[in-house]
C-alpha atoms as a PDB file:
ATOM      1  CA  MET A   1     -30.079 -23.343  -5.275  1.00  0.00           C
ATOM      2  CA  PRO A   2     -32.913 -21.805  -7.365  1.00  0.00           C
ATOM      3  CA  VAL A   3     -32.097 -21.079 -10.965  1.00  0.00           C
ATOM      4  CA  ASP A   4     -32.888 -17.667 -12.458  1.00  0.00           C
ATOM      5  CA  GLN A   5     -36.362 -18.027 -13.978  1.00  0.00           C
ATOM      6  CA  LYS A   6     -35.436 -15.711 -16.836  1.00  0.00           C
ATOM      7  CA  PHE A   7     -32.601 -18.096 -17.701  1.00  0.00           C
ATOM      8  CA  VAL A   8     -35.097 -20.946 -17.973  1.00  0.00           C
ATOM      9  CA  LEU A   9     -37.298 -18.927 -20.327  1.00  0.00           C
ATOM     10  CA  VAL A  10     -34.291 -17.897 -22.420  1.00  0.00           C
ATOM     11  CA  LEU A  11     -33.177 -21.538 -22.569  1.00  0.00           C
ATOM     12  CA  PHE A  12     -36.633 -22.555 -23.733  1.00  0.00           C
ATOM     13  CA  ALA A  13     -36.774 -19.831 -26.393  1.00  0.00           C
ATOM     14  CA  ALA A  14     -33.254 -20.648 -27.598  1.00  0.00           C
ATOM     15  CA  GLY A  15     -34.134 -24.321 -27.965  1.00  0.00           C
ATOM     16  CA  VAL A  16     -37.217 -23.500 -30.036  1.00  0.00           C
ATOM     17  CA  ILE A  17     -35.304 -21.058 -32.263  1.00  0.00           C
ATOM     18  CA  VAL A  18     -32.453 -23.510 -32.833  1.00  0.00           C
ATOM     19  CA  GLY A  19     -34.962 -26.233 -33.766  1.00  0.00           C
ATOM     20  CA  ILE A  20     -36.618 -23.940 -36.310  1.00  0.00           C
ATOM     21  CA  LEU A  21     -33.256 -22.856 -37.749  1.00  0.00           C
ATOM     22  CA  ILE A  22     -32.171 -26.469 -38.175  1.00  0.00           C
ATOM     23  CA  GLU A  23     -35.311 -27.180 -40.209  1.00  0.00           C
ATOM     24  CA  ILE A  24     -34.707 -24.089 -42.365  1.00  0.00           C
ATOM     25  CA  VAL A  25     -31.092 -25.111 -43.015  1.00  0.00           C
ATOM     26  CA  GLN A  26     -32.296 -28.590 -44.068  1.00  0.00           C
ATOM     27  CA  ARG A  27     -34.222 -27.001 -46.942  1.00  0.00           C
ATOM     28  CA  GLY A  28     -30.903 -26.430 -48.699  1.00  0.00           C
ATOM     29  CA  ILE A  29     -29.514 -29.906 -48.049  1.00  0.00           C
ATOM     30  CA  GLY A  30     -30.035 -32.488 -50.796  1.00  0.00           C
ATOM     31  CA  GLY A  31     -32.496 -35.217 -49.942  1.00  0.00           C
ATOM     32  CA  ARG A  32     -33.791 -33.434 -46.827  1.00  0.00           C
ATOM     33  CA  SER A  33     -37.048 -31.550 -46.279  1.00  0.00           C
ATOM     34  CA  VAL A  34     -38.567 -29.295 -43.659  1.00  0.00           C
ATOM     35  CA  ASP A  35     -40.642 -31.182 -41.115  1.00  0.00           C
ATOM     36  CA  CYS A  36     -42.773 -29.125 -38.711  1.00  0.00           C
ATOM     37  CA  TRP A  37     -43.257 -32.242 -36.588  1.00  0.00           C
ATOM     38  CA  ASP A  38     -39.526 -32.171 -35.825  1.00  0.00           C
ATOM     39  CA  VAL A  39     -39.938 -28.670 -34.354  1.00  0.00           C
ATOM     40  CA  TYR A  40     -42.962 -29.905 -32.418  1.00  0.00           C
ATOM     41  CA  ARG A  41     -40.945 -32.790 -30.987  1.00  0.00           C
ATOM     42  CA  ASP A  42     -38.115 -30.403 -30.110  1.00  0.00           C
ATOM     43  CA  ILE A  43     -40.512 -28.235 -28.088  1.00  0.00           C
ATOM     44  CA  LEU A  44     -41.975 -31.315 -26.409  1.00  0.00           C
ATOM     45  CA  GLY A  45     -38.499 -32.520 -25.435  1.00  0.00           C
ATOM     46  CA  ILE A  46     -37.552 -29.133 -24.035  1.00  0.00           C
ATOM     47  CA  CYS A  47     -40.723 -29.007 -21.926  1.00  0.00           C
ATOM     48  CA  VAL A  48     -40.165 -32.534 -20.634  1.00  0.00           C
ATOM     49  CA  GLY A  49     -36.583 -31.685 -19.718  1.00  0.00           C
ATOM     50  CA  ILE A  50     -37.440 -28.453 -17.934  1.00  0.00           C
ATOM     51  CA  PHE A  51     -40.490 -29.801 -16.146  1.00  0.00           C
ATOM     52  CA  SER A  52     -38.890 -33.035 -14.981  1.00  0.00           C
ATOM     53  CA  CYS A  53     -35.487 -31.692 -13.955  1.00  0.00           C
ATOM     54  CA  GLN A  54     -35.359 -31.756 -10.153  1.00  0.00           C
ATOM     55  CA  ALA A  55     -32.373 -29.417 -10.050  1.00  0.00           C
ATOM     56  CA  ILE A  56     -34.429 -26.474 -11.326  1.00  0.00           C
ATOM     57  CA  ALA A  57     -36.638 -24.899  -8.677  1.00  0.00           C
ATOM     58  CA  LEU A  58     -39.218 -23.202 -10.835  1.00  0.00           C
ATOM     59  CA  SER A  59     -41.634 -20.704  -9.414  1.00  0.00           C
ATOM     60  CA  PHE A  60     -45.253 -21.804  -9.285  1.00  0.00           C
ATOM     61  CA  PRO A  61     -46.330 -19.772 -12.381  1.00  0.00           C
ATOM     62  CA  LEU A  62     -43.565 -21.357 -14.457  1.00  0.00           C
ATOM     63  CA  GLN A  63     -44.343 -24.793 -13.104  1.00  0.00           C
ATOM     64  CA  ARG A  64     -47.947 -24.342 -14.118  1.00  0.00           C
ATOM     65  CA  PHE A  65     -46.964 -22.920 -17.541  1.00  0.00           C
ATOM     66  CA  PHE A  66     -44.630 -25.780 -18.449  1.00  0.00           C
ATOM     67  CA  GLY A  67     -46.948 -28.359 -16.884  1.00  0.00           C
ATOM     68  CA  ILE A  68     -49.920 -27.222 -18.981  1.00  0.00           C
ATOM     69  CA  MET A  69     -47.770 -26.985 -22.108  1.00  0.00           C
ATOM     70  CA  LEU A  70     -46.424 -30.484 -21.507  1.00  0.00           C
ATOM     71  CA  VAL A  71     -49.934 -31.948 -21.153  1.00  0.00           C
ATOM     72  CA  VAL A  72     -51.135 -30.162 -24.304  1.00  0.00           C
ATOM     73  CA  LEU A  73     -48.111 -31.246 -26.355  1.00  0.00           C
ATOM     74  CA  LEU A  74     -48.405 -34.850 -25.190  1.00  0.00           C
ATOM     75  CA  PHE A  75     -52.091 -34.840 -26.106  1.00  0.00           C
ATOM     76  CA  PHE A  76     -51.470 -33.632 -29.664  1.00  0.00           C
ATOM     77  CA  SER A  77     -48.460 -35.916 -30.114  1.00  0.00           C
ATOM     78  CA  ALA A  78     -50.758 -38.869 -29.406  1.00  0.00           C
ATOM     79  CA  ILE A  79     -53.149 -37.931 -32.230  1.00  0.00           C
ATOM     80  CA  PRO A  80     -51.090 -39.600 -35.028  1.00  0.00           C
ATOM     81  CA  LEU A  81     -50.908 -42.812 -32.992  1.00  0.00           C
ATOM     82  CA  VAL A  82     -54.636 -42.788 -32.279  1.00  0.00           C
ATOM     83  CA  THR A  83     -55.371 -42.052 -35.953  1.00  0.00           C
ATOM     84  CA  ALA A  84     -53.119 -44.918 -37.053  1.00  0.00           C
ATOM     85  CA  LEU A  85     -54.813 -47.351 -34.662  1.00  0.00           C
ATOM     86  CA  ILE A  86     -58.288 -46.317 -35.850  1.00  0.00           C
ATOM     87  CA  ASP A  87     -57.300 -46.659 -39.491  1.00  0.00           C
ATOM     88  CA  GLU A  88     -55.627 -50.025 -38.878  1.00  0.00           C
ATOM     89  CA  GLY A  89     -58.928 -51.379 -37.601  1.00  0.00           C
ATOM     90  CA  LEU A  90     -60.776 -49.735 -40.477  1.00  0.00           C
ATOM     91  CA  ALA A  91     -58.381 -51.203 -43.050  1.00  0.00           C
ATOM     92  CA  ALA A  92     -58.892 -54.696 -41.610  1.00  0.00           C
ATOM     93  CA  ARG A  93     -62.686 -54.311 -41.879  1.00  0.00           C
ATOM     94  CA  GLN A  94     -62.501 -52.892 -45.424  1.00  0.00           C
ATOM     95  CA  PHE A  95     -60.191 -55.570 -46.803  1.00  0.00           C
ATOM     96  CA  PRO A  96     -60.010 -56.648 -49.653  1.00  0.00           C
ATOM     97  CA  ILE A  97     -60.619 -52.959 -50.395  1.00  0.00           C
ATOM     98  CA  LEU A  98     -57.221 -51.361 -49.814  1.00  0.00           C
ATOM     99  CA  ALA A  99     -58.464 -47.769 -50.077  1.00  0.00           C
ATOM    100  CA  ASP A 100     -61.477 -45.937 -51.473  1.00  0.00           C
ATOM    101  CA  PHE A 101     -60.965 -42.659 -49.563  1.00  0.00           C
ATOM    102  CA  GLU A 102     -64.458 -42.356 -48.146  1.00  0.00           C
ATOM    103  CA  THR A 103     -62.999 -41.838 -44.663  1.00  0.00           C
ATOM    104  CA  PRO A 104     -60.506 -39.076 -43.765  1.00  0.00           C
ATOM    105  CA  PHE A 105     -57.969 -41.568 -42.397  1.00  0.00           C
ATOM    106  CA  GLU A 106     -57.267 -43.473 -45.609  1.00  0.00           C
ATOM    107  CA  ALA A 107     -55.001 -40.839 -47.148  1.00  0.00           C
ATOM    108  CA  THR A 108     -52.534 -41.463 -44.286  1.00  0.00           C
ATOM    109  CA  ARG A 109     -51.849 -44.925 -45.737  1.00  0.00           C
ATOM    110  CA  PHE A 110     -49.942 -43.268 -48.568  1.00  0.00           C
ATOM    111  CA  MET A 111     -46.563 -41.608 -48.860  1.00  0.00           C
ATOM    112  CA  PRO A 112     -45.270 -38.969 -49.337  1.00  0.00           C
ATOM    113  CA  ALA A 113     -47.851 -37.270 -47.125  1.00  0.00           C
ATOM    114  CA  ASP A 114     -46.909 -33.763 -48.240  1.00  0.00           C
ATOM    115  CA  ARG A 115     -47.950 -34.436 -51.861  1.00  0.00           C
ATOM    116  CA  THR A 116     -51.129 -36.424 -51.282  1.00  0.00           C
ATOM    117  CA  GLY A 117     -54.536 -35.578 -49.881  1.00  0.00           C
ATOM    118  CA  ARG A 118     -58.171 -36.626 -50.017  1.00  0.00           C
ATOM    119  CA  SER A 119     -60.178 -34.778 -52.660  1.00  0.00           C
ATOM    120  CA  GLY A 120     -63.842 -34.473 -53.549  1.00  0.00           C
ATOM    121  CA  LYS A 121     -63.168 -33.111 -57.035  1.00  0.00           C
ATOM    122  CA  TYR A 122     -63.162 -36.473 -58.829  1.00  0.00           C
ATOM    123  CA  ALA A 123     -64.250 -39.932 -57.701  1.00  0.00           C
ATOM    124  CA  ARG A 124     -64.566 -43.278 -59.461  1.00  0.00           C
ATOM    125  CA  THR A 125     -66.773 -44.611 -56.687  1.00  0.00           C
ATOM    126  CA  GLY A 126     -68.262 -42.773 -53.746  1.00  0.00           C
ATOM    127  CA  ARG A 127     -67.429 -39.096 -53.298  1.00  0.00           C
ATOM    128  CA  HIS A 128     -63.676 -38.912 -52.775  1.00  0.00           C
ATOM    129  CA  SER A 129     -60.355 -39.902 -54.306  1.00  0.00           C
ATOM    130  CA  LEU A 130     -56.683 -39.321 -53.485  1.00  0.00           C
ATOM    131  CA  ARG A 131     -55.122 -36.252 -55.084  1.00  0.00           C
ATOM    132  CA  VAL A 132     -51.488 -36.941 -55.989  1.00  0.00           C
ATOM    133  CA  GLN A 133     -49.121 -34.091 -56.830  1.00  0.00           C
ATOM    134  CA  LEU A 134     -46.348 -35.201 -59.192  1.00  0.00           C
ATOM    135  CA  THR A 135     -43.112 -33.281 -59.655  1.00  0.00           C
ATOM    136  CA  THR A 136     -40.391 -33.115 -62.305  1.00  0.00           C
ATOM    137  CA  ALA A 137     -38.042 -35.301 -60.237  1.00  0.00           C
ATOM    138  CA  ASP A 138     -36.542 -38.378 -61.897  1.00  0.00           C
ATOM    139  CA  TYR A 139     -39.196 -40.490 -60.188  1.00  0.00           C
ATOM    140  CA  SER A 140     -42.309 -38.982 -58.647  1.00  0.00           C
ATOM    141  CA  GLY A 141     -45.366 -40.791 -57.392  1.00  0.00           C
ATOM    142  CA  VAL A 142     -47.244 -42.278 -54.486  1.00  0.00           C
ATOM    143  CA  SER A 143     -46.797 -45.449 -52.419  1.00  0.00           C
ATOM    144  CA  LEU A 144     -49.293 -47.444 -50.401  1.00  0.00           C
ATOM    145  CA  PHE A 145     -47.445 -48.614 -47.282  1.00  0.00           C
ATOM    146  CA  TYR A 146     -50.055 -49.154 -44.567  1.00  0.00           C
ATOM    147  CA  PHE A 147     -52.505 -51.916 -45.500  1.00  0.00           C
ATOM    148  CA  PRO A 148     -53.223 -55.643 -44.881  1.00  0.00           C
ATOM    149  CA  HIS A 149     -50.163 -57.347 -46.366  1.00  0.00           C
ATOM    150  CA  ASP A 150     -51.443 -60.898 -46.919  1.00  0.00           C
ATOM    151  CA  TRP A 151     -52.687 -61.067 -50.507  1.00  0.00           C
ATOM    152  CA  ARG A 152     -52.807 -64.859 -50.754  1.00  0.00           C
ATOM    153  CA  GLY A 153     -56.008 -66.244 -52.254  1.00  0.00           C
ATOM    154  CA  PHE A 154     -56.628 -63.209 -54.458  1.00  0.00           C
ATOM    155  CA  GLN A 155     -56.198 -63.144 -58.233  1.00  0.00           C
ATOM    156  CA  THR A 156     -56.351 -59.492 -59.291  1.00  0.00           C
ATOM    157  CA  LEU A 157     -55.421 -56.033 -58.054  1.00  0.00           C
ATOM    158  CA  HIS A 158     -57.752 -53.272 -59.280  1.00  0.00           C
ATOM    159  CA  PHE A 159     -57.278 -49.505 -59.158  1.00  0.00           C
ATOM    160  CA  SER A 160     -58.522 -46.436 -61.013  1.00  0.00           C
ATOM    161  CA  VAL A 161     -56.527 -43.316 -61.929  1.00  0.00           C
ATOM    162  CA  TYR A 162     -57.926 -40.049 -63.268  1.00  0.00           C
ATOM    163  CA  ASN A 163     -55.727 -38.025 -65.612  1.00  0.00           C
ATOM    164  CA  PRO A 164     -57.008 -34.430 -65.956  1.00  0.00           C
ATOM    165  CA  ALA A 165     -54.482 -33.705 -68.743  1.00  0.00           C
ATOM    166  CA  ARG A 166     -55.262 -34.209 -72.411  1.00  0.00           C
ATOM    167  CA  GLU A 167     -52.095 -36.088 -73.286  1.00  0.00           C
ATOM    168  CA  THR A 168     -51.349 -39.709 -72.496  1.00  0.00           C
ATOM    169  CA  ILE A 169     -48.882 -40.322 -69.657  1.00  0.00           C
ATOM    170  CA  ILE A 170     -46.721 -43.373 -68.999  1.00  0.00           C
ATOM    171  CA  LEU A 171     -47.442 -44.517 -65.460  1.00  0.00           C
ATOM    172  CA  HIS A 172     -45.216 -47.089 -63.775  1.00  0.00           C
ATOM    173  CA  CYS A 173     -46.640 -49.687 -61.378  1.00  0.00           C
ATOM    174  CA  ARG A 174     -44.328 -51.321 -58.850  1.00  0.00           C
ATOM    175  CA  ILE A 175     -45.055 -53.972 -56.204  1.00  0.00           C
ATOM    176  CA  HIS A 176     -42.623 -55.684 -53.850  1.00  0.00           C
ATOM    177  CA  ASP A 177     -42.656 -57.833 -50.731  1.00  0.00           C
ATOM    178  CA  LYS A 178     -40.821 -57.582 -47.399  1.00  0.00           C
ATOM    179  CA  ARG A 179     -37.968 -59.790 -48.645  1.00  0.00           C
ATOM    180  CA  HIS A 180     -37.155 -57.351 -51.444  1.00  0.00           C
ATOM    181  CA  LYS A 181     -34.435 -55.571 -49.447  1.00  0.00           C
ATOM    182  CA  GLN A 182     -32.737 -58.896 -48.729  1.00  0.00           C
ATOM    183  CA  TYR A 183     -32.227 -59.214 -52.486  1.00  0.00           C
ATOM    184  CA  GLY A 184     -30.689 -55.770 -52.843  1.00  0.00           C
ATOM    185  CA  SER A 185     -33.914 -53.991 -53.895  1.00  0.00           C
ATOM    186  CA  LEU A 186     -33.026 -54.912 -57.465  1.00  0.00           C
ATOM    187  CA  PHE A 187     -35.292 -54.023 -60.381  1.00  0.00           C
ATOM    188  CA  ALA A 188     -35.439 -57.715 -61.360  1.00  0.00           C
ATOM    189  CA  ASP A 189     -36.624 -58.694 -57.889  1.00  0.00           C
ATOM    190  CA  ARG A 190     -39.966 -56.853 -57.992  1.00  0.00           C
ATOM    191  CA  PHE A 191     -43.052 -56.449 -60.130  1.00  0.00           C
ATOM    192  CA  ASN A 192     -42.768 -53.600 -62.650  1.00  0.00           C
ATOM    193  CA  ARG A 193     -45.192 -52.620 -65.370  1.00  0.00           C
ATOM    194  CA  LYS A 194     -45.736 -49.601 -67.617  1.00  0.00           C
ATOM    195  CA  LEU A 195     -49.319 -48.386 -67.945  1.00  0.00           C
ATOM    196  CA  LEU A 196     -50.716 -45.945 -70.496  1.00  0.00           C
ATOM    197  CA  LEU A 197     -52.682 -43.305 -68.633  1.00  0.00           C
ATOM    198  CA  ARG A 198     -55.091 -41.608 -71.021  1.00  0.00           C
ATOM    199  CA  ALA A 199     -57.208 -38.527 -70.345  1.00  0.00           C
ATOM    200  CA  GLY A 200     -60.044 -39.095 -67.878  1.00  0.00           C
ATOM    201  CA  TRP A 201     -60.607 -42.223 -65.798  1.00  0.00           C
ATOM    202  CA  ASN A 202     -58.456 -45.290 -66.396  1.00  0.00           C
ATOM    203  CA  ASP A 203     -59.383 -48.618 -64.763  1.00  0.00           C
ATOM    204  CA  PHE A 204     -56.424 -50.959 -64.375  1.00  0.00           C
ATOM    205  CA  GLN A 205     -56.157 -54.628 -63.434  1.00  0.00           C
ATOM    206  CA  VAL A 206     -52.957 -56.391 -62.395  1.00  0.00           C
ATOM    207  CA  SER A 207     -52.738 -60.177 -62.304  1.00  0.00           C
ATOM    208  CA  LEU A 208     -51.409 -61.258 -58.914  1.00  0.00           C
ATOM    209  CA  ALA A 209     -50.093 -64.418 -60.549  1.00  0.00           C
ATOM    210  CA  SER A 210     -47.805 -62.122 -62.554  1.00  0.00           C
ATOM    211  CA  VAL A 211     -46.814 -60.319 -59.374  1.00  0.00           C
ATOM    212  CA  ARG A 212     -45.990 -63.645 -57.705  1.00  0.00           C
ATOM    213  CA  GLN A 213     -43.772 -64.719 -60.608  1.00  0.00           C
ATOM    214  CA  ALA A 214     -42.140 -61.297 -61.117  1.00  0.00           C
ATOM    215  CA  PRO A 215     -38.836 -61.755 -59.191  1.00  0.00           C
ATOM    216  CA  SER A 216     -36.257 -63.332 -61.471  1.00  0.00           C
ATOM    217  CA  ASN A 217     -34.695 -65.704 -58.920  1.00  0.00           C
ATOM    218  CA  ARG A 218     -37.531 -66.512 -56.521  1.00  0.00           C
ATOM    219  CA  ILE A 219     -41.278 -66.418 -55.900  1.00  0.00           C
ATOM    220  CA  MET A 220     -42.658 -63.252 -54.360  1.00  0.00           C
ATOM    221  CA  ASP A 221     -44.046 -63.770 -50.869  1.00  0.00           C
ATOM    222  CA  MET A 222     -47.736 -62.937 -51.354  1.00  0.00           C
ATOM    223  CA  SER A 223     -48.321 -63.184 -47.604  1.00  0.00           C
ATOM    224  CA  ALA A 224     -46.005 -60.224 -47.005  1.00  0.00           C
ATOM    225  CA  ILE A 225     -46.585 -57.605 -49.701  1.00  0.00           C
ATOM    226  CA  GLU A 226     -44.894 -54.439 -48.481  1.00  0.00           C
ATOM    227  CA  SER A 227     -45.507 -51.722 -51.060  1.00  0.00           C
ATOM    228  CA  PHE A 228     -47.686 -50.828 -54.028  1.00  0.00           C
ATOM    229  CA  MET A 229     -46.340 -47.813 -55.903  1.00  0.00           C
ATOM    230  CA  LEU A 230     -47.455 -45.713 -58.872  1.00  0.00           C
ATOM    231  CA  PHE A 231     -45.044 -43.165 -60.333  1.00  0.00           C
ATOM    232  CA  VAL A 232     -43.957 -41.249 -63.418  1.00  0.00           C
ATOM    233  CA  ALA A 233     -40.402 -40.834 -64.650  1.00  0.00           C
ATOM    234  CA  ARG A 234     -38.759 -37.573 -65.703  1.00  0.00           C
ATOM    235  CA  GLU A 235     -41.894 -35.681 -66.569  1.00  0.00           C
ATOM    236  CA  PRO A 236     -41.136 -32.272 -68.170  1.00  0.00           C
ATOM    237  CA  HIS A 237     -43.605 -30.467 -65.892  1.00  0.00           C
ATOM    238  CA  SER A 238     -45.534 -31.140 -62.705  1.00  0.00           C
ATOM    239  CA  ARG A 239     -48.867 -32.952 -62.890  1.00  0.00           C
ATOM    240  CA  VAL A 240     -51.812 -33.901 -60.715  1.00  0.00           C
ATOM    241  CA  LEU A 241     -53.457 -37.340 -60.764  1.00  0.00           C
ATOM    242  CA  TYR A 242     -56.356 -38.784 -58.784  1.00  0.00           C
ATOM    243  CA  LEU A 243     -56.296 -42.339 -57.445  1.00  0.00           C
ATOM    244  CA  ASP A 244     -59.388 -44.237 -56.352  1.00  0.00           C
ATOM    245  CA  HIS A 245     -60.974 -47.595 -55.515  1.00  0.00           C
ATOM    246  CA  ILE A 246     -57.974 -49.846 -54.901  1.00  0.00           C
ATOM    247  CA  PHE A 247     -59.078 -53.401 -54.140  1.00  0.00           C
ATOM    248  CA  LEU A 248     -58.301 -57.090 -54.567  1.00  0.00           C
ATOM    249  CA  SER A 249     -60.592 -59.684 -56.125  1.00  0.00           C
ATOM    250  CA  ARG A 250     -60.613 -63.483 -56.151  1.00  0.00           C
END
């Protein structure tokens, strides 16, 4: 028995509105944030459900409408995957450079995505760096998560940070491997170092021998480095830093 076409449209609109309202409500929930991709996925799911449900005899115009929308949504939902695959190949070719931000994909290796972005304002090498927005949260910074994880055979990690402020900032550097969670993600089970970030460009070097020996009860697995993080702690006001030319040397 054909279903009222207006009911289908109302169902679609209601699903979209509810998805948007859920994201708005999350703004007031601690530890949650609004994610437009969640709304996008909600719409995609609704279209898949309506288009694929055999029990709903849609008229031809509605079939065409939801069919076209489904194809378009699936196309755009594939873009992050395609971007990730392209950058994975790029990262493998660049290694031991972990990021120098001369391609638009490299900023996607860092989290959180909503407070980072490629910038042409300052650059230590080339024309671009990564702009990092820091907040007044207890810990605010940036993490490199997507990169070649086998650092065996290298001796030093290099990176440059630009501080546009006049005052010196204490910047924390943290590195851990994939086994870190097995040891309770304890402070003593990872590499931690305080760095003095003066005005202008600062070029830092981290001994990977020190990273390897950093865990108190074991040796860090240098074949499975999982995260490289830079952050500030309890800053009185928000700041902007620029990160560039992250690489390993032998």
